[in-house]
C-alpha atoms as a PDB file:
ATOM      1  CA  MET A   1      77.520 100.016  77.729  1.00  0.00           C
ATOM      2  CA  GLN A   2      80.137  99.655  80.428  1.00  0.00           C
ATOM      3  CA  LEU A   3      78.941 102.076  83.051  1.00  0.00           C
ATOM      4  CA  GLY A   4      81.573 103.118  85.528  1.00  0.00           C
ATOM      5  CA  VAL A   5      84.322 100.667  84.782  1.00  0.00           C
ATOM      6  CA  ALA A   6      86.763 103.106  86.343  1.00  0.00           C
ATOM      7  CA  PRO A   7      89.001 101.641  89.072  1.00  0.00           C
ATOM      8  CA  LYS A   8      86.822 102.970  91.899  1.00  0.00           C
ATOM      9  CA  CYS A   9      83.324 102.280  90.631  1.00  0.00           C
ATOM     10  CA  LEU A  10      81.159  99.286  89.716  1.00  0.00           C
ATOM     11  CA  GLY A  11      83.173  97.071  87.401  1.00  0.00           C
ATOM     12  CA  ALA A  12      82.401  95.383  84.093  1.00  0.00           C
ATOM     13  CA  ASP A  13      80.112  92.600  85.337  1.00  0.00           C
ATOM     14  CA  ARG A  14      77.841  94.820  87.408  1.00  0.00           C
ATOM     15  CA  SER A  15      77.611  97.438  84.691  1.00  0.00           C
ATOM     16  CA  ASN A  16      76.536  94.811  82.139  1.00  0.00           C
ATOM     17  CA  ASN A  17      73.968  93.365  84.551  1.00  0.00           C
ATOM     18  CA  LEU A  18      72.720  96.843  85.348  1.00  0.00           C
ATOM     19  CA  HIS A  19      71.627  97.784  81.849  1.00  0.00           C
ATOM     20  CA  GLU A  20      70.146  94.309  81.229  1.00  0.00           C
ATOM     21  CA  CYS A  21      67.939  94.293  84.307  1.00  0.00           C
ATOM     22  CA  ARG A  22      66.775  97.926  83.962  1.00  0.00           C
ATOM     23  CA  GLY A  23      65.807  97.675  80.301  1.00  0.00           C
ATOM     24  CA  VAL A  24      68.274 100.299  79.118  1.00  0.00           C
ATOM     25  CA  GLU A  25      69.675  99.616  75.682  1.00  0.00           C
ATOM     26  CA  ASN A  26      73.379  99.229  75.044  1.00  0.00           C
ATOM     27  CA  LYS A  27      74.238 102.863  74.211  1.00  0.00           C
ATOM     28  CA  LYS A  28      77.064 105.299  74.640  1.00  0.00           C
ATOM     29  CA  THR A  29      76.697 107.611  77.611  1.00  0.00           C
ATOM     30  CA  TYR A  30      76.056 110.716  75.511  1.00  0.00           C
ATOM     31  CA  GLU A  31      73.205 108.897  73.699  1.00  0.00           C
ATOM     32  CA  LEU A  32      71.174 108.345  76.898  1.00  0.00           C
ATOM     33  CA  ASN A  33      68.172 110.530  77.593  1.00  0.00           C
ATOM     34  CA  GLU A  34      67.272 111.950  81.021  1.00  0.00           C
ATOM     35  CA  GLU A  35      64.854 109.144  81.892  1.00  0.00           C
ATOM     36  CA  GLU A  36      67.452 106.432  81.235  1.00  0.00           C
ATOM     37  CA  ILE A  37      70.094 108.348  83.170  1.00  0.00           C
ATOM     38  CA  ASN A  38      67.771 108.657  86.157  1.00  0.00           C
ATOM     39  CA  LYS A  39      66.957 104.918  86.007  1.00  0.00           C
ATOM     40  CA  LEU A  40      70.641 104.048  85.991  1.00  0.00           C
ATOM     41  CA  ARG A  41      71.478 106.545  88.727  1.00  0.00           C
ATOM     42  CA  SER A  42      68.789 105.176  91.045  1.00  0.00           C
ATOM     43  CA  GLU A  43      70.018 101.622  90.447  1.00  0.00           C
ATOM     44  CA  VAL A  44      73.695 102.499  90.965  1.00  0.00           C
ATOM     45  CA  GLU A  45      72.906 104.140  94.305  1.00  0.00           C
ATOM     46  CA  LYS A  46      71.759 100.737  95.614  1.00  0.00           C
ATOM     47  CA  TYR A  47      75.250  99.261  95.124  1.00  0.00           C
ATOM     48  CA  THR A  48      78.141  99.716  97.493  1.00  0.00           C
ATOM     49  CA  THR A  49      80.949 101.141  95.389  1.00  0.00           C
ATOM     50  CA  GLU A  50      84.655 100.585  95.910  1.00  0.00           C
ATOM     51  CA  ALA A  51      85.211 103.910  97.649  1.00  0.00           C
ATOM     52  CA  ASP A  52      82.620 102.999 100.302  1.00  0.00           C
ATOM     53  CA  LEU A  53      84.149  99.541 100.740  1.00  0.00           C
ATOM     54  CA  ARG A  54      87.634 101.000 101.193  1.00  0.00           C
ATOM     55  CA  ARG A  55      86.307 103.338 103.884  1.00  0.00           C
ATOM     56  CA  VAL A  56      84.596 100.451 105.713  1.00  0.00           C
ATOM     57  CA  VAL A  57      87.772  98.329 105.658  1.00  0.00           C
ATOM     58  CA  ALA A  58      89.856 101.267 106.924  1.00  0.00           C
ATOM     59  CA  GLN A  59      87.368 101.836 109.766  1.00  0.00           C
ATOM     60  CA  ASN A  60      87.483  98.144 110.709  1.00  0.00           C
ATOM     61  CA  ILE A  61      91.291  98.176 110.844  1.00  0.00           C
ATOM     62  CA  LYS A  62      91.257 101.382 112.902  1.00  0.00           C
ATOM     63  CA  ARG A  63      88.804  99.777 115.343  1.00  0.00           C
ATOM     64  CA  LEU A  64      91.098  96.741 115.736  1.00  0.00           C
ATOM     65  CA  LYS A  65      94.053  99.048 116.415  1.00  0.00           C
ATOM     66  CA  ASP A  66      92.092 101.116 118.946  1.00  0.00           C
ATOM     67  CA  ILE A  67      90.940  98.144 121.020  1.00  0.00           C
ATOM     68  CA  GLY A  68      94.474  96.731 121.009  1.00  0.00           C
ATOM     69  CA  CYS A  69      93.624  93.174 120.014  1.00  0.00           C
ATOM     70  CA  TYR A  70      96.188  90.810 118.470  1.00  0.00           C
ATOM     71  CA  ARG A  71      95.139  91.595 114.894  1.00  0.00           C
ATOM     72  CA  GLY A  72      95.247  95.319 115.603  1.00  0.00           C
ATOM     73  CA  ARG A  73      98.762  95.094 117.022  1.00  0.00           C
ATOM     74  CA  ARG A  74      99.919  93.117 113.974  1.00  0.00           C
ATOM     75  CA  HIS A  75      98.518  95.880 111.739  1.00  0.00           C
ATOM     76  CA  ILE A  76     100.379  98.494 113.782  1.00  0.00           C
ATOM     77  CA  MET A  77     103.672  96.569 113.558  1.00  0.00           C
ATOM     78  CA  GLY A  78     103.204  95.949 109.834  1.00  0.00           C
ATOM     79  CA  LEU A  79     103.312  92.160 110.162  1.00  0.00           C
ATOM     80  CA  PRO A  80     101.015  89.489 108.680  1.00  0.00           C
ATOM     81  CA  VAL A  81      97.682  89.385 110.480  1.00  0.00           C
ATOM     82  CA  ARG A  82      96.342  85.929 109.665  1.00  0.00           C
ATOM     83  CA  GLY A  83      98.941  83.648 111.212  1.00  0.00           C
ATOM     84  CA  GLN A  84     101.453  83.386 108.375  1.00  0.00           C
ATOM     85  CA  ARG A  85     105.084  82.640 109.210  1.00  0.00           C
ATOM     86  CA  THR A  86     107.427  85.592 109.477  1.00  0.00           C
ATOM     87  CA  LYS A  87     110.864  84.015 109.957  1.00  0.00           C
ATOM     88  CA  THR A  88     111.537  83.555 106.251  1.00  0.00           C
ATOM     89  CA  ASN A  89     108.585  85.000 104.334  1.00  0.00           C
ATOM     90  CA  ALA A  90     106.262  88.015 104.730  1.00  0.00           C
ATOM     91  CA  ARG A  91     108.456  90.366 102.696  1.00  0.00           C
ATOM     92  CA  THR A  92     105.406  92.102 101.228  1.00  0.00           C
ATOM     93  CA  ARG A  93     104.156  93.044 104.670  1.00  0.00           C
ATOM     94  CA  LYS A  94     107.510  93.698 106.373  1.00  0.00           C
ATOM     95  CA  GLY A  95     109.085  95.643 103.530  1.00  0.00           C
ATOM     96  CA  LYS A  96     112.460  95.300 101.896  1.00  0.00           C
ATOM     97  CA  ALA A  97     114.940  93.047 103.741  1.00  0.00           C
ATOM     98  CA  LYS A  98     117.329  94.846 106.043  1.00  0.00           C
ATOM     99  CA  THR A  99     120.654  93.043 105.978  1.00  0.00           C
ATOM    100  CA  VAL A 100     122.616  92.599 109.168  1.00  0.00           C
ATOM    101  CA  ALA A 101     126.415  92.660 108.946  1.00  0.00           C
ATOM    102  CA  ASN A 102     128.148  89.361 109.718  1.00  0.00           C
ATOM    103  CA  LYS A 103     130.349  89.234 112.786  1.00  0.00           C
ATOM    104  CA  LYS A 104     134.012  88.887 111.948  1.00  0.00           C
ATOM    105  CA  LYS A 105     135.215  85.327 112.365  1.00  0.00           C
ATOM    106  CA  ALA A 106     137.596  84.790 115.243  1.00  0.00           C
ATOM    107  CA  VAL A 107     141.207  84.362 114.106  1.00  0.00           C
ATOM    108  CA  LYS A 108     142.820  81.144 115.352  1.00  0.00           C
END
C-alpha cells in the first residue's frame, strides 16, 4: 500500500515503512477497517508532511528578509543566496536574459 504518495504528502519510502512497522497488511485503502485506519492516521500525524515543511521554509525566508541580513537581501533581489557567481551564470535565479543593445561603432 502506498499511502499518500501524492506530491504534498509522505512519499513512497515512508508509506512503505509505515505499514511495515505498524503491522498493517498491504491492502488497498478501501479494504482497511476502522482500527487500521486509526493506526495509520496516528502514525502519519507524527511525521512532518511537505506542506508543513514548505510553510517552515517560507517563514525562515521571510525572517531573513525582515531582519535585512545579506541572505535576506539576496532573496529580495532574486539573486543566488549561497555565494554563486552571477556575472555569467545564475539564469535560473535571475530570470530570462535581458539583452542590451550594442552601441553603434564610431565611423572612421
